[in-house]
């Protein structure tokens, strides 16, 4: 596995991180004091969400993985697919942690 820090890939990583920040991914969800959730557990789950997104974004943008010795094959497409799945899963998990306010 190789890490490729070319300019387009680093810029792609920064764009993904900026998008995650704009979607509120780097803000810890606040728990309702009368709710059933514990702030410590939600913060721990949020840290896992951020780590999952960062790992996925790194897989999508920076990783190259060549296998074989004579006819080398690049597994980059597999890393992109897995990275996208990790980022989508992280965002969905993060949205499930958010407390929705009810009016009434």
C-alpha atoms as a PDB file:
ATOM      1  CA  UNK A   1       0.000   0.000   0.000  1.00  0.00           C
ATOM      2  CA  UNK A   2       1.340   3.393  -0.946  1.00  0.00           C
ATOM      3  CA  UNK A   3       0.301   6.857   0.165  1.00  0.00           C
ATOM      4  CA  UNK A   4       0.327   9.367  -2.699  1.00  0.00           C
ATOM      5  CA  UNK A   5       0.541  13.004  -1.562  1.00  0.00           C
ATOM      6  CA  UNK A   6       0.155  14.610  -4.979  1.00  0.00           C
ATOM      7  CA  UNK A   7      -1.430  18.050  -5.088  1.00  0.00           C
ATOM      8  CA  UNK A   8      -4.796  16.979  -6.612  1.00  0.00           C
ATOM      9  CA  UNK A   9      -5.216  14.217  -4.044  1.00  0.00           C
ATOM     10  CA  UNK A  10      -4.378  16.457  -1.096  1.00  0.00           C
ATOM     11  CA  UNK A  11      -6.790  19.084  -2.428  1.00  0.00           C
ATOM     12  CA  UNK A  12      -9.459  16.388  -2.767  1.00  0.00           C
ATOM     13  CA  UNK A  13      -8.871  15.390   0.855  1.00  0.00           C
ATOM     14  CA  UNK A  14      -9.185  19.009   1.960  1.00  0.00           C
ATOM     15  CA  UNK A  15     -12.436  19.386   0.000  1.00  0.00           C
ATOM     16  CA  UNK A  16     -13.876  16.271   1.671  1.00  0.00           C
ATOM     17  CA  UNK A  17     -12.840  17.528   5.108  1.00  0.00           C
ATOM     18  CA  UNK A  18     -14.324  20.967   4.404  1.00  0.00           C
ATOM     19  CA  UNK A  19     -17.579  19.333   3.297  1.00  0.00           C
ATOM     20  CA  UNK A  20     -17.693  17.255   6.476  1.00  0.00           C
ATOM     21  CA  UNK A  21     -17.081  20.408   8.495  1.00  0.00           C
ATOM     22  CA  UNK A  22     -19.860  22.272   6.644  1.00  0.00           C
ATOM     23  CA  UNK A  23     -22.254  19.397   7.386  1.00  0.00           C
ATOM     24  CA  UNK A  24     -21.452  19.766  11.096  1.00  0.00           C
ATOM     25  CA  UNK A  25     -19.308  16.672  11.406  1.00  0.00           C
ATOM     26  CA  UNK A  26     -16.663  18.270  13.600  1.00  0.00           C
ATOM     27  CA  UNK A  27     -19.182  19.544  16.163  1.00  0.00           C
ATOM     28  CA  UNK A  28     -19.930  17.322  19.152  1.00  0.00           C
ATOM     29  CA  UNK A  29     -23.669  16.570  19.403  1.00  0.00           C
ATOM     30  CA  UNK A  30     -25.263  17.933  22.566  1.00  0.00           C
ATOM     31  CA  UNK A  31     -27.479  15.557  24.506  1.00  0.00           C
ATOM     32  CA  UNK A  32     -30.793  16.579  26.062  1.00  0.00           C
ATOM     33  CA  UNK A  33     -30.376  16.411  29.878  1.00  0.00           C
ATOM     34  CA  UNK A  34     -33.837  14.839  30.222  1.00  0.00           C
ATOM     35  CA  UNK A  35     -33.113  12.348  27.432  1.00  0.00           C
ATOM     36  CA  UNK A  36     -31.999   8.771  27.699  1.00  0.00           C
ATOM     37  CA  UNK A  37     -28.543   9.326  26.165  1.00  0.00           C
ATOM     38  CA  UNK A  38     -25.326   9.869  28.109  1.00  0.00           C
ATOM     39  CA  UNK A  39     -23.071  12.719  26.943  1.00  0.00           C
ATOM     40  CA  UNK A  40     -19.922  10.650  27.481  1.00  0.00           C
ATOM     41  CA  UNK A  41     -21.155   7.811  25.267  1.00  0.00           C
ATOM     42  CA  UNK A  42     -22.369  10.189  22.560  1.00  0.00           C
ATOM     43  CA  UNK A  43     -19.003  11.989  22.563  1.00  0.00           C
ATOM     44  CA  UNK A  44     -17.183   8.661  22.280  1.00  0.00           C
ATOM     45  CA  UNK A  45     -19.420   7.608  19.369  1.00  0.00           C
ATOM     46  CA  UNK A  46     -18.833  11.014  17.743  1.00  0.00           C
ATOM     47  CA  UNK A  47     -15.066  10.484  17.949  1.00  0.00           C
ATOM     48  CA  UNK A  48     -15.514   7.121  16.215  1.00  0.00           C
ATOM     49  CA  UNK A  49     -17.599   8.828  13.520  1.00  0.00           C
ATOM     50  CA  UNK A  50     -14.889  11.410  12.883  1.00  0.00           C
ATOM     51  CA  UNK A  51     -12.172   8.725  12.795  1.00  0.00           C
ATOM     52  CA  UNK A  52     -14.273   6.629  10.406  1.00  0.00           C
ATOM     53  CA  UNK A  53     -14.791   9.600   8.096  1.00  0.00           C
ATOM     54  CA  UNK A  54     -11.091  10.526   8.165  1.00  0.00           C
ATOM     55  CA  UNK A  55     -10.091   6.942   7.384  1.00  0.00           C
ATOM     56  CA  UNK A  56     -12.606   6.787   4.530  1.00  0.00           C
ATOM     57  CA  UNK A  57     -11.496  10.138   3.123  1.00  0.00           C
ATOM     58  CA  UNK A  58      -7.887   8.969   3.239  1.00  0.00           C
ATOM     59  CA  UNK A  59      -8.801   5.770   1.410  1.00  0.00           C
ATOM     60  CA  UNK A  60     -10.651   7.694  -1.290  1.00  0.00           C
ATOM     61  CA  UNK A  61      -7.975  10.296  -1.917  1.00  0.00           C
ATOM     62  CA  UNK A  62      -4.499   9.210  -0.832  1.00  0.00           C
ATOM     63  CA  UNK A  63      -4.162   5.417  -1.023  1.00  0.00           C
ATOM     64  CA  UNK A  64      -2.710   3.447  -3.934  1.00  0.00           C
ATOM     65  CA  UNK A  65      -2.375  -0.318  -3.532  1.00  0.00           C
ATOM     66  CA  UNK A  66      -0.553  -2.338  -6.156  1.00  0.00           C
ATOM     67  CA  UNK A  67      -0.531  -6.147  -6.012  1.00  0.00           C
ATOM     68  CA  UNK A  68       1.425  -8.677  -8.029  1.00  0.00           C
ATOM     69  CA  UNK A  69       5.016  -8.818  -9.189  1.00  0.00           C
ATOM     70  CA  UNK A  70       4.941  -9.287 -12.958  1.00  0.00           C
ATOM     71  CA  UNK A  71       1.498  -8.027 -13.980  1.00  0.00           C
ATOM     72  CA  UNK A  72       0.869  -5.467 -11.290  1.00  0.00           C
ATOM     73  CA  UNK A  73      -2.728  -4.516 -10.615  1.00  0.00           C
ATOM     74  CA  UNK A  74      -3.937  -1.396  -8.837  1.00  0.00           C
ATOM     75  CA  UNK A  75      -6.668  -1.864  -6.214  1.00  0.00           C
ATOM     76  CA  UNK A  76      -7.444   1.866  -6.059  1.00  0.00           C
ATOM     77  CA  UNK A  77     -11.053   1.379  -7.208  1.00  0.00           C
ATOM     78  CA  UNK A  78     -11.667  -0.983  -4.298  1.00  0.00           C
ATOM     79  CA  UNK A  79     -10.243   1.571  -1.855  1.00  0.00           C
ATOM     80  CA  UNK A  80     -12.434   4.313  -3.342  1.00  0.00           C
ATOM     81  CA  UNK A  81     -15.568   2.176  -2.973  1.00  0.00           C
ATOM     82  CA  UNK A  82     -14.725   1.149   0.599  1.00  0.00           C
ATOM     83  CA  UNK A  83     -13.777   4.731   1.486  1.00  0.00           C
ATOM     84  CA  UNK A  84     -17.065   6.076   0.152  1.00  0.00           C
ATOM     85  CA  UNK A  85     -18.962   3.440   2.134  1.00  0.00           C
ATOM     86  CA  UNK A  86     -17.059   4.431   5.284  1.00  0.00           C
ATOM     87  CA  UNK A  87     -17.775   8.134   4.779  1.00  0.00           C
ATOM     88  CA  UNK A  88     -21.474   7.544   4.098  1.00  0.00           C
ATOM     89  CA  UNK A  89     -21.736   5.228   7.106  1.00  0.00           C
ATOM     90  CA  UNK A  90     -19.971   7.767   9.285  1.00  0.00           C
ATOM     91  CA  UNK A  91     -22.315  10.551   8.208  1.00  0.00           C
ATOM     92  CA  UNK A  92     -25.420   8.398   8.769  1.00  0.00           C
ATOM     93  CA  UNK A  93     -24.169   7.335  12.191  1.00  0.00           C
ATOM     94  CA  UNK A  94     -23.405  10.971  13.058  1.00  0.00           C
ATOM     95  CA  UNK A  95     -26.929  12.029  12.043  1.00  0.00           C
ATOM     96  CA  UNK A  96     -28.379   9.342  14.300  1.00  0.00           C
ATOM     97  CA  UNK A  97     -26.469  10.819  17.234  1.00  0.00           C
ATOM     98  CA  UNK A  98     -27.905  14.297  16.754  1.00  0.00           C
ATOM     99  CA  UNK A  99     -30.710  15.339  19.067  1.00  0.00           C
ATOM    100  CA  UNK A 100     -33.760  16.570  17.207  1.00  0.00           C
ATOM    101  CA  UNK A 101     -35.664  19.380  18.868  1.00  0.00           C
ATOM    102  CA  UNK A 102     -39.439  19.072  18.977  1.00  0.00           C
ATOM    103  CA  UNK A 103     -41.741  22.049  18.971  1.00  0.00           C
ATOM    104  CA  UNK A 104     -44.981  22.127  20.791  1.00  0.00           C
END
